[in-house]
Amino acid sequence: MVTAKEVAEYFLWKAEENNQELLSNMKLQKLVYYAQGLYLAIYDSPLFLEKIKAWTYGPVVEELYHDYKQYGAGGIPANPDFNPLSIDGDTREFLDDIFDAFGQFSAIRLMEIAHSDECWERAGIGNEITFDSMKECLKKYLKDG
């Protein structure tokens, strides 16, 4: 199991490694949310243990928000000390798939997509989006879901 911070750092590293635009806090939050939810839908187990809350602009891991809020809406640089090999190969492959599927969208588009997810809507602003709720509602993104 990894932490939400490790997942975030992997996505930040991935964006920089691929010479893509740096990720904003909003976009990063949505990528972390989809990683958690789809991991739950596929493996019936959480990727990380931190809670995800329903905020006005979509799902958020509160600790991550505070870690990166100093960047505002701007891009967040990758941590130069982060080693992607600290995450096991199967998990990296999974995160690559999430990045490829959802990383192509803007932060605003990801917010709109997340707002269409029943689990965000049902949780209510400020409340936790539970593992069970994510597992059920995000199955729709799987090919056989």
N, C-alpha and C. Protein backbone atom coordinates (compact mmCIF):
# COMPACT_ATOMS: atom_id res chain seq x y z
N MET A 1 0.85 -1.18 0.00
CA MET A 1 0.00 0.00 0.00
C MET A 1 0.89 1.25 0.00
N VAL A 2 0.41 2.26 -0.67
CA VAL A 2 1.13 3.53 -0.75
C VAL A 2 0.34 4.60 0.01
N THR A 3 0.90 5.78 0.11
CA THR A 3 0.17 6.90 0.71
C THR A 3 -0.37 7.78 -0.41
N ALA A 4 -1.33 8.61 -0.07
CA ALA A 4 -1.86 9.57 -1.05
C ALA A 4 -0.74 10.49 -1.53
N LYS A 5 0.15 10.85 -0.64
CA LYS A 5 1.29 11.73 -1.00
C LYS A 5 2.18 11.04 -2.04
N GLU A 6 2.44 9.76 -1.86
CA GLU A 6 3.26 9.03 -2.84
C GLU A 6 2.58 8.97 -4.21
N VAL A 7 1.27 8.76 -4.21
CA VAL A 7 0.51 8.76 -5.47
C VAL A 7 0.61 10.12 -6.13
N ALA A 8 0.42 11.18 -5.34
CA ALA A 8 0.52 12.54 -5.87
C ALA A 8 1.91 12.80 -6.42
N GLU A 9 2.92 12.43 -5.67
CA GLU A 9 4.30 12.66 -6.13
C GLU A 9 4.59 11.87 -7.41
N TYR A 10 4.01 10.69 -7.53
CA TYR A 10 4.19 9.91 -8.76
C TYR A 10 3.58 10.66 -9.95
N PHE A 11 2.36 11.16 -9.78
CA PHE A 11 1.71 11.88 -10.87
C PHE A 11 2.48 13.16 -11.23
N LEU A 12 2.99 13.88 -10.24
CA LEU A 12 3.78 15.08 -10.51
C LEU A 12 5.05 14.71 -11.27
N TRP A 13 5.69 13.64 -10.85
CA TRP A 13 6.89 13.14 -11.53
C TRP A 13 6.56 12.75 -12.97
N LYS A 14 5.45 12.04 -13.13
CA LYS A 14 5.03 11.55 -14.45
C LYS A 14 4.81 12.71 -15.43
N ALA A 15 4.12 13.75 -14.97
CA ALA A 15 3.86 14.91 -15.82
C ALA A 15 5.18 15.55 -16.27
N GLU A 16 6.10 15.70 -15.32
CA GLU A 16 7.39 16.32 -15.65
C GLU A 16 8.22 15.41 -16.54
N GLU A 17 8.21 14.13 -16.24
CA GLU A 17 8.97 13.13 -17.01
C GLU A 17 8.50 13.10 -18.47
N ASN A 18 7.21 13.29 -18.68
CA ASN A 18 6.63 13.27 -20.04
C ASN A 18 6.64 14.64 -20.70
N ASN A 19 7.34 15.60 -20.08
CA ASN A 19 7.41 16.97 -20.61
C ASN A 19 6.04 17.57 -20.84
N GLN A 20 5.12 17.27 -19.93
CA GLN A 20 3.77 17.82 -20.01
C GLN A 20 3.67 19.03 -19.09
N GLU A 21 2.58 19.76 -19.26
CA GLU A 21 2.32 20.90 -18.38
C GLU A 21 2.27 20.40 -16.93
N LEU A 22 2.83 21.20 -16.03
CA LEU A 22 2.80 20.81 -14.62
C LEU A 22 1.35 20.74 -14.14
N LEU A 23 1.09 19.83 -13.22
CA LEU A 23 -0.26 19.63 -12.71
C LEU A 23 -0.62 20.69 -11.67
N SER A 24 -1.84 21.19 -11.74
CA SER A 24 -2.35 22.08 -10.70
C SER A 24 -2.85 21.23 -9.54
N ASN A 25 -3.08 21.85 -8.41
CA ASN A 25 -3.61 21.15 -7.25
C ASN A 25 -4.95 20.52 -7.60
N MET A 26 -5.81 21.25 -8.33
CA MET A 26 -7.12 20.71 -8.67
C MET A 26 -7.00 19.46 -9.54
N LYS A 27 -6.16 19.52 -10.55
CA LYS A 27 -6.01 18.37 -11.43
C LYS A 27 -5.38 17.19 -10.68
N LEU A 28 -4.39 17.49 -9.86
CA LEU A 28 -3.74 16.45 -9.07
C LEU A 28 -4.74 15.74 -8.16
N GLN A 29 -5.59 16.51 -7.51
CA GLN A 29 -6.60 15.94 -6.61
C GLN A 29 -7.51 14.96 -7.36
N LYS A 30 -7.90 15.33 -8.56
CA LYS A 30 -8.82 14.46 -9.32
C LYS A 30 -8.10 13.19 -9.77
N LEU A 31 -6.84 13.30 -10.15
CA LEU A 31 -6.09 12.10 -10.54
C LEU A 31 -5.94 11.15 -9.35
N VAL A 32 -5.67 11.70 -8.18
CA VAL A 32 -5.54 10.88 -6.96
C VAL A 32 -6.87 10.22 -6.63
N TYR A 33 -7.96 10.97 -6.77
CA TYR A 33 -9.31 10.43 -6.54
C TYR A 33 -9.61 9.28 -7.50
N TYR A 34 -9.34 9.47 -8.78
CA TYR A 34 -9.64 8.39 -9.73
C TYR A 34 -8.72 7.19 -9.51
N ALA A 35 -7.48 7.43 -9.09
CA ALA A 35 -6.60 6.31 -8.77
C ALA A 35 -7.18 5.49 -7.62
N GLN A 36 -7.60 6.18 -6.56
CA GLN A 36 -8.18 5.48 -5.40
C GLN A 36 -9.46 4.75 -5.79
N GLY A 37 -10.37 5.44 -6.45
CA GLY A 37 -11.67 4.86 -6.77
C GLY A 37 -11.59 3.67 -7.71
N LEU A 38 -10.74 3.78 -8.72
CA LEU A 38 -10.63 2.67 -9.68
C LEU A 38 -9.84 1.52 -9.08
N TYR A 39 -8.90 1.81 -8.21
CA TYR A 39 -8.20 0.74 -7.51
C TYR A 39 -9.18 -0.05 -6.65
N LEU A 40 -10.05 0.69 -5.97
CA LEU A 40 -11.09 0.04 -5.16
C LEU A 40 -12.02 -0.80 -6.04
N ALA A 41 -12.40 -0.26 -7.19
CA ALA A 41 -13.33 -0.97 -8.08
C ALA A 41 -12.70 -2.24 -8.66
N ILE A 42 -11.41 -2.19 -8.92
CA ILE A 42 -10.73 -3.35 -9.51
C ILE A 42 -10.31 -4.37 -8.46
N TYR A 43 -9.68 -3.90 -7.39
CA TYR A 43 -9.04 -4.79 -6.42
C TYR A 43 -9.81 -4.96 -5.11
N ASP A 44 -10.92 -4.23 -4.94
CA ASP A 44 -11.73 -4.31 -3.73
C ASP A 44 -10.90 -4.01 -2.48
N SER A 45 -9.94 -3.13 -2.65
CA SER A 45 -9.04 -2.77 -1.56
C SER A 45 -8.55 -1.34 -1.84
N PRO A 46 -8.33 -0.54 -0.81
CA PRO A 46 -7.86 0.83 -1.07
C PRO A 46 -6.40 0.87 -1.51
N LEU A 47 -6.08 1.84 -2.33
CA LEU A 47 -4.71 2.10 -2.76
C LEU A 47 -3.95 2.79 -1.63
N PHE A 48 -4.64 3.69 -0.93
CA PHE A 48 -4.08 4.42 0.22
C PHE A 48 -5.20 4.61 1.24
N LEU A 49 -4.84 4.98 2.47
CA LEU A 49 -5.82 5.05 3.55
C LEU A 49 -6.37 6.44 3.84
N GLU A 50 -5.76 7.49 3.30
CA GLU A 50 -6.25 8.83 3.56
C GLU A 50 -7.67 9.00 3.01
N LYS A 51 -8.45 9.83 3.71
CA LYS A 51 -9.84 10.05 3.31
C LYS A 51 -9.92 11.04 2.17
N ILE A 52 -10.93 10.85 1.34
CA ILE A 52 -11.24 11.80 0.27
C ILE A 52 -12.57 12.45 0.63
N LYS A 53 -12.58 13.78 0.57
CA LYS A 53 -13.79 14.52 0.92
C LYS A 53 -14.38 15.17 -0.33
N ALA A 54 -15.68 15.38 -0.27
CA ALA A 54 -16.39 16.08 -1.35
C ALA A 54 -16.32 17.57 -1.06
N TRP A 55 -15.55 18.27 -1.87
CA TRP A 55 -15.46 19.72 -1.76
C TRP A 55 -16.20 20.33 -2.95
N THR A 56 -16.40 21.61 -2.91
CA THR A 56 -17.14 22.31 -3.96
C THR A 56 -16.59 22.01 -5.35
N TYR A 57 -15.27 21.99 -5.49
CA TYR A 57 -14.66 21.78 -6.81
C TYR A 57 -14.31 20.32 -7.07
N GLY A 58 -14.91 19.43 -6.29
CA GLY A 58 -14.72 18.00 -6.51
C GLY A 58 -14.03 17.32 -5.34
N PRO A 59 -13.66 16.05 -5.55
CA PRO A 59 -13.04 15.25 -4.50
C PRO A 59 -11.64 15.75 -4.14
N VAL A 60 -11.32 15.73 -2.85
CA VAL A 60 -10.05 16.26 -2.36
C VAL A 60 -9.53 15.41 -1.19
N VAL A 61 -8.23 15.11 -1.24
CA VAL A 61 -7.53 14.59 -0.06
C VAL A 61 -7.01 15.84 0.66
N GLU A 62 -7.62 16.14 1.79
CA GLU A 62 -7.36 17.40 2.47
C GLU A 62 -5.88 17.63 2.77
N GLU A 63 -5.18 16.59 3.22
CA GLU A 63 -3.76 16.72 3.53
C GLU A 63 -2.97 17.15 2.30
N LEU A 64 -3.29 16.57 1.15
CA LEU A 64 -2.60 16.93 -0.09
C LEU A 64 -2.90 18.36 -0.49
N TYR A 65 -4.15 18.75 -0.33
CA TYR A 65 -4.52 20.13 -0.66
C TYR A 65 -3.62 21.10 0.10
N HIS A 66 -3.46 20.86 1.39
CA HIS A 66 -2.66 21.76 2.22
C HIS A 66 -1.17 21.68 1.85
N ASP A 67 -0.71 20.50 1.45
CA ASP A 67 0.69 20.35 1.03
C ASP A 67 1.00 21.22 -0.19
N TYR A 68 0.03 21.40 -1.08
CA TYR A 68 0.29 22.07 -2.35
C TYR A 68 -0.45 23.40 -2.54
N LYS A 69 -1.16 23.86 -1.54
CA LYS A 69 -1.98 25.06 -1.73
C LYS A 69 -1.16 26.31 -2.03
N GLN A 70 0.11 26.31 -1.65
CA GLN A 70 0.93 27.50 -1.93
C GLN A 70 1.11 27.74 -3.42
N TYR A 71 0.83 26.75 -4.26
CA TYR A 71 0.96 26.91 -5.71
C TYR A 71 -0.30 27.53 -6.33
N GLY A 72 -1.35 27.71 -5.52
CA GLY A 72 -2.59 28.28 -6.04
C GLY A 72 -3.10 27.43 -7.20
N ALA A 73 -3.47 28.10 -8.29
CA ALA A 73 -3.96 27.39 -9.47
C ALA A 73 -2.82 27.06 -10.43
N GLY A 74 -1.59 27.40 -10.04
CA GLY A 74 -0.43 27.15 -10.91
C GLY A 74 0.04 25.71 -10.85
N GLY A 75 1.02 25.42 -11.68
CA GLY A 75 1.59 24.09 -11.75
C GLY A 75 2.48 23.78 -10.56
N ILE A 76 2.47 22.53 -10.16
CA ILE A 76 3.27 22.06 -9.03
C ILE A 76 4.48 21.31 -9.58
N PRO A 77 5.68 21.73 -9.23
CA PRO A 77 6.86 21.00 -9.71
C PRO A 77 6.99 19.65 -9.00
N ALA A 78 7.59 18.70 -9.69
CA ALA A 78 7.84 17.39 -9.09
C ALA A 78 8.89 17.54 -7.99
N ASN A 79 8.77 16.69 -6.99
CA ASN A 79 9.74 16.65 -5.90
C ASN A 79 11.03 16.03 -6.44
N PRO A 80 12.15 16.77 -6.45
CA PRO A 80 13.39 16.22 -7.01
C PRO A 80 13.92 15.02 -6.23
N ASP A 81 13.48 14.85 -4.99
CA ASP A 81 13.93 13.72 -4.17
C ASP A 81 13.04 12.49 -4.32
N PHE A 82 11.94 12.62 -5.07
CA PHE A 82 11.03 11.48 -5.22
C PHE A 82 11.64 10.45 -6.16
N ASN A 83 11.62 9.20 -5.72
CA ASN A 83 12.10 8.09 -6.55
C ASN A 83 10.90 7.25 -6.95
N PRO A 84 10.51 7.25 -8.24
CA PRO A 84 9.35 6.47 -8.66
C PRO A 84 9.50 4.98 -8.39
N LEU A 85 10.73 4.50 -8.28
CA LEU A 85 10.95 3.08 -8.00
C LEU A 85 10.62 2.72 -6.56
N SER A 86 10.30 3.73 -5.74
CA SER A 86 9.86 3.46 -4.36
C SER A 86 8.45 2.86 -4.36
N ILE A 87 7.78 2.94 -5.49
CA ILE A 87 6.44 2.35 -5.66
C ILE A 87 6.61 1.07 -6.48
N ASP A 88 5.98 -0.01 -6.04
CA ASP A 88 6.17 -1.29 -6.73
C ASP A 88 5.67 -1.22 -8.18
N GLY A 89 6.21 -2.09 -9.00
CA GLY A 89 5.96 -2.08 -10.44
C GLY A 89 4.50 -2.19 -10.83
N ASP A 90 3.75 -3.07 -10.18
CA ASP A 90 2.33 -3.23 -10.51
C ASP A 90 1.55 -1.95 -10.21
N THR A 91 1.87 -1.31 -9.09
CA THR A 91 1.19 -0.07 -8.72
C THR A 91 1.58 1.05 -9.69
N ARG A 92 2.85 1.11 -10.08
CA ARG A 92 3.28 2.13 -11.07
C ARG A 92 2.53 1.93 -12.38
N GLU A 93 2.39 0.70 -12.80
CA GLU A 93 1.67 0.41 -14.05
C GLU A 93 0.21 0.86 -13.94
N PHE A 94 -0.41 0.59 -12.80
CA PHE A 94 -1.78 1.03 -12.57
C PHE A 94 -1.86 2.56 -12.62
N LEU A 95 -0.95 3.24 -11.93
CA LEU A 95 -0.95 4.70 -11.91
C LEU A 95 -0.70 5.27 -13.30
N ASP A 96 0.14 4.60 -14.08
CA ASP A 96 0.37 5.04 -15.47
C ASP A 96 -0.93 4.97 -16.26
N ASP A 97 -1.70 3.91 -16.05
CA ASP A 97 -2.98 3.77 -16.75
C ASP A 97 -3.95 4.89 -16.36
N ILE A 98 -3.99 5.22 -15.08
CA ILE A 98 -4.85 6.31 -14.61
C ILE A 98 -4.40 7.63 -15.23
N PHE A 99 -3.09 7.86 -15.24
CA PHE A 99 -2.55 9.09 -15.80
C PHE A 99 -2.88 9.19 -17.29
N ASP A 100 -2.73 8.09 -18.00
CA ASP A 100 -3.02 8.09 -19.43
C ASP A 100 -4.50 8.34 -19.71
N ALA A 101 -5.36 7.75 -18.89
CA ALA A 101 -6.81 7.88 -19.10
C ALA A 101 -7.34 9.25 -18.70
N PHE A 102 -6.91 9.76 -17.56
CA PHE A 102 -7.50 10.99 -17.02
C PHE A 102 -6.58 12.22 -17.14
N GLY A 103 -5.29 12.00 -17.30
CA GLY A 103 -4.34 13.11 -17.36
C GLY A 103 -4.49 13.97 -18.61
N GLN A 104 -5.16 13.44 -19.61
CA GLN A 104 -5.36 14.19 -20.85
C GLN A 104 -6.35 15.34 -20.70
N PHE A 105 -7.15 15.31 -19.64
CA PHE A 105 -8.20 16.31 -19.44
C PHE A 105 -7.69 17.47 -18.59
N SER A 106 -8.26 18.64 -18.81
CA SER A 106 -7.92 19.81 -18.00
C SER A 106 -8.47 19.64 -16.59
N ALA A 107 -7.98 20.46 -15.68
CA ALA A 107 -8.47 20.43 -14.30
C ALA A 107 -9.98 20.70 -14.27
N ILE A 108 -10.42 21.66 -15.05
CA ILE A 108 -11.85 22.02 -15.06
C ILE A 108 -12.67 20.86 -15.62
N ARG A 109 -12.19 20.22 -16.67
CA ARG A 109 -12.93 19.09 -17.24
C ARG A 109 -12.98 17.93 -16.24
N LEU A 110 -11.89 17.68 -15.54
CA LEU A 110 -11.89 16.62 -14.53
C LEU A 110 -12.85 16.95 -13.40
N MET A 111 -12.94 18.23 -13.03
CA MET A 111 -13.91 18.65 -12.01
C MET A 111 -15.32 18.34 -12.49
N GLU A 112 -15.61 18.66 -13.75
CA GLU A 112 -16.94 18.40 -14.30
C GLU A 112 -17.25 16.90 -14.32
N ILE A 113 -16.25 16.11 -14.70
CA ILE A 113 -16.44 14.66 -14.73
C ILE A 113 -16.69 14.14 -13.31
N ALA A 114 -15.90 14.61 -12.34
CA ALA A 114 -16.07 14.17 -10.95
C ALA A 114 -17.43 14.59 -10.40
N HIS A 115 -17.91 15.75 -10.82
CA HIS A 115 -19.23 16.20 -10.38
C HIS A 115 -20.34 15.31 -10.92
N SER A 116 -20.06 14.56 -11.98
CA SER A 116 -21.06 13.63 -12.51
C SER A 116 -21.04 12.28 -11.78
N ASP A 117 -20.07 12.09 -10.91
CA ASP A 117 -19.97 10.84 -10.16
C ASP A 117 -20.93 10.87 -8.98
N GLU A 118 -21.79 9.87 -8.90
CA GLU A 118 -22.78 9.81 -7.83
C GLU A 118 -22.15 9.85 -6.45
N CYS A 119 -20.99 9.26 -6.28
CA CYS A 119 -20.39 9.20 -4.95
C CYS A 119 -20.01 10.59 -4.44
N TRP A 120 -19.59 11.50 -5.32
CA TRP A 120 -19.30 12.87 -4.91
C TRP A 120 -20.59 13.58 -4.52
N GLU A 121 -21.60 13.43 -5.36
CA GLU A 121 -22.87 14.10 -5.13
C GLU A 121 -23.54 13.59 -3.85
N ARG A 122 -23.55 12.28 -3.66
CA ARG A 122 -24.20 11.68 -2.48
C ARG A 122 -23.51 12.05 -1.18
N ALA A 123 -22.20 12.20 -1.22
CA ALA A 123 -21.46 12.50 0.01
C ALA A 123 -21.90 13.85 0.60
N GLY A 124 -22.10 14.82 -0.25
CA GLY A 124 -22.43 16.17 0.22
C GLY A 124 -21.16 16.94 0.56
N ILE A 125 -21.18 18.21 0.25
CA ILE A 125 -19.98 19.05 0.43
C ILE A 125 -19.47 18.98 1.86
N GLY A 126 -18.16 18.73 1.97
CA GLY A 126 -17.49 18.69 3.26
C GLY A 126 -17.46 17.31 3.90
N ASN A 127 -18.16 16.36 3.31
CA ASN A 127 -18.22 15.02 3.88
C ASN A 127 -17.31 14.05 3.14
N GLU A 128 -16.99 12.96 3.82
CA GLU A 128 -16.13 11.93 3.23
C GLU A 128 -16.87 11.17 2.12
N ILE A 129 -16.13 10.88 1.07
CA ILE A 129 -16.60 9.96 0.03
C ILE A 129 -16.04 8.61 0.44
N THR A 130 -16.88 7.70 0.85
CA THR A 130 -16.40 6.44 1.44
C THR A 130 -15.79 5.51 0.38
N PHE A 131 -14.97 4.59 0.87
CA PHE A 131 -14.37 3.60 -0.02
C PHE A 131 -15.45 2.82 -0.75
N ASP A 132 -16.48 2.37 -0.02
CA ASP A 132 -17.55 1.59 -0.64
C ASP A 132 -18.27 2.39 -1.72
N SER A 133 -18.51 3.65 -1.45
CA SER A 133 -19.20 4.50 -2.40
C SER A 133 -18.37 4.68 -3.68
N MET A 134 -17.08 4.94 -3.52
CA MET A 134 -16.20 5.08 -4.69
C MET A 134 -16.13 3.78 -5.47
N LYS A 135 -15.99 2.68 -4.75
CA LYS A 135 -15.86 1.37 -5.40
C LYS A 135 -17.06 1.10 -6.30
N GLU A 136 -18.25 1.38 -5.80
CA GLU A 136 -19.47 1.12 -6.57
C GLU A 136 -19.66 2.11 -7.71
N CYS A 137 -19.52 3.39 -7.43
CA CYS A 137 -19.90 4.37 -8.46
C CYS A 137 -18.84 4.53 -9.54
N LEU A 138 -17.58 4.22 -9.26
CA LEU A 138 -16.55 4.43 -10.28
C LEU A 138 -16.32 3.20 -11.17
N LYS A 139 -17.03 2.12 -10.89
CA LYS A 139 -16.96 0.95 -11.78
C LYS A 139 -17.36 1.30 -13.20
N LYS A 140 -18.15 2.37 -13.36
CA LYS A 140 -18.63 2.77 -14.68
C LYS A 140 -17.48 3.11 -15.63
N TYR A 141 -16.29 3.42 -15.08
CA TYR A 141 -15.15 3.76 -15.92
C TYR A 141 -14.37 2.55 -16.41
N LEU A 142 -14.69 1.39 -15.89
CA LEU A 142 -14.00 0.17 -16.31
C LEU A 142 -14.64 -0.38 -17.58
N LYS A 143 -13.84 -0.98 -18.42
CA LYS A 143 -14.36 -1.51 -19.68
C LYS A 143 -15.50 -2.49 -19.48
N ASP A 144 -15.37 -3.31 -18.44
CA ASP A 144 -16.43 -4.30 -18.19
C ASP A 144 -17.37 -3.86 -17.07
N GLY A 145 -17.25 -2.58 -16.67
CA GLY A 145 -18.04 -2.05 -15.56
C GLY A 145 -19.43 -1.71 -16.00
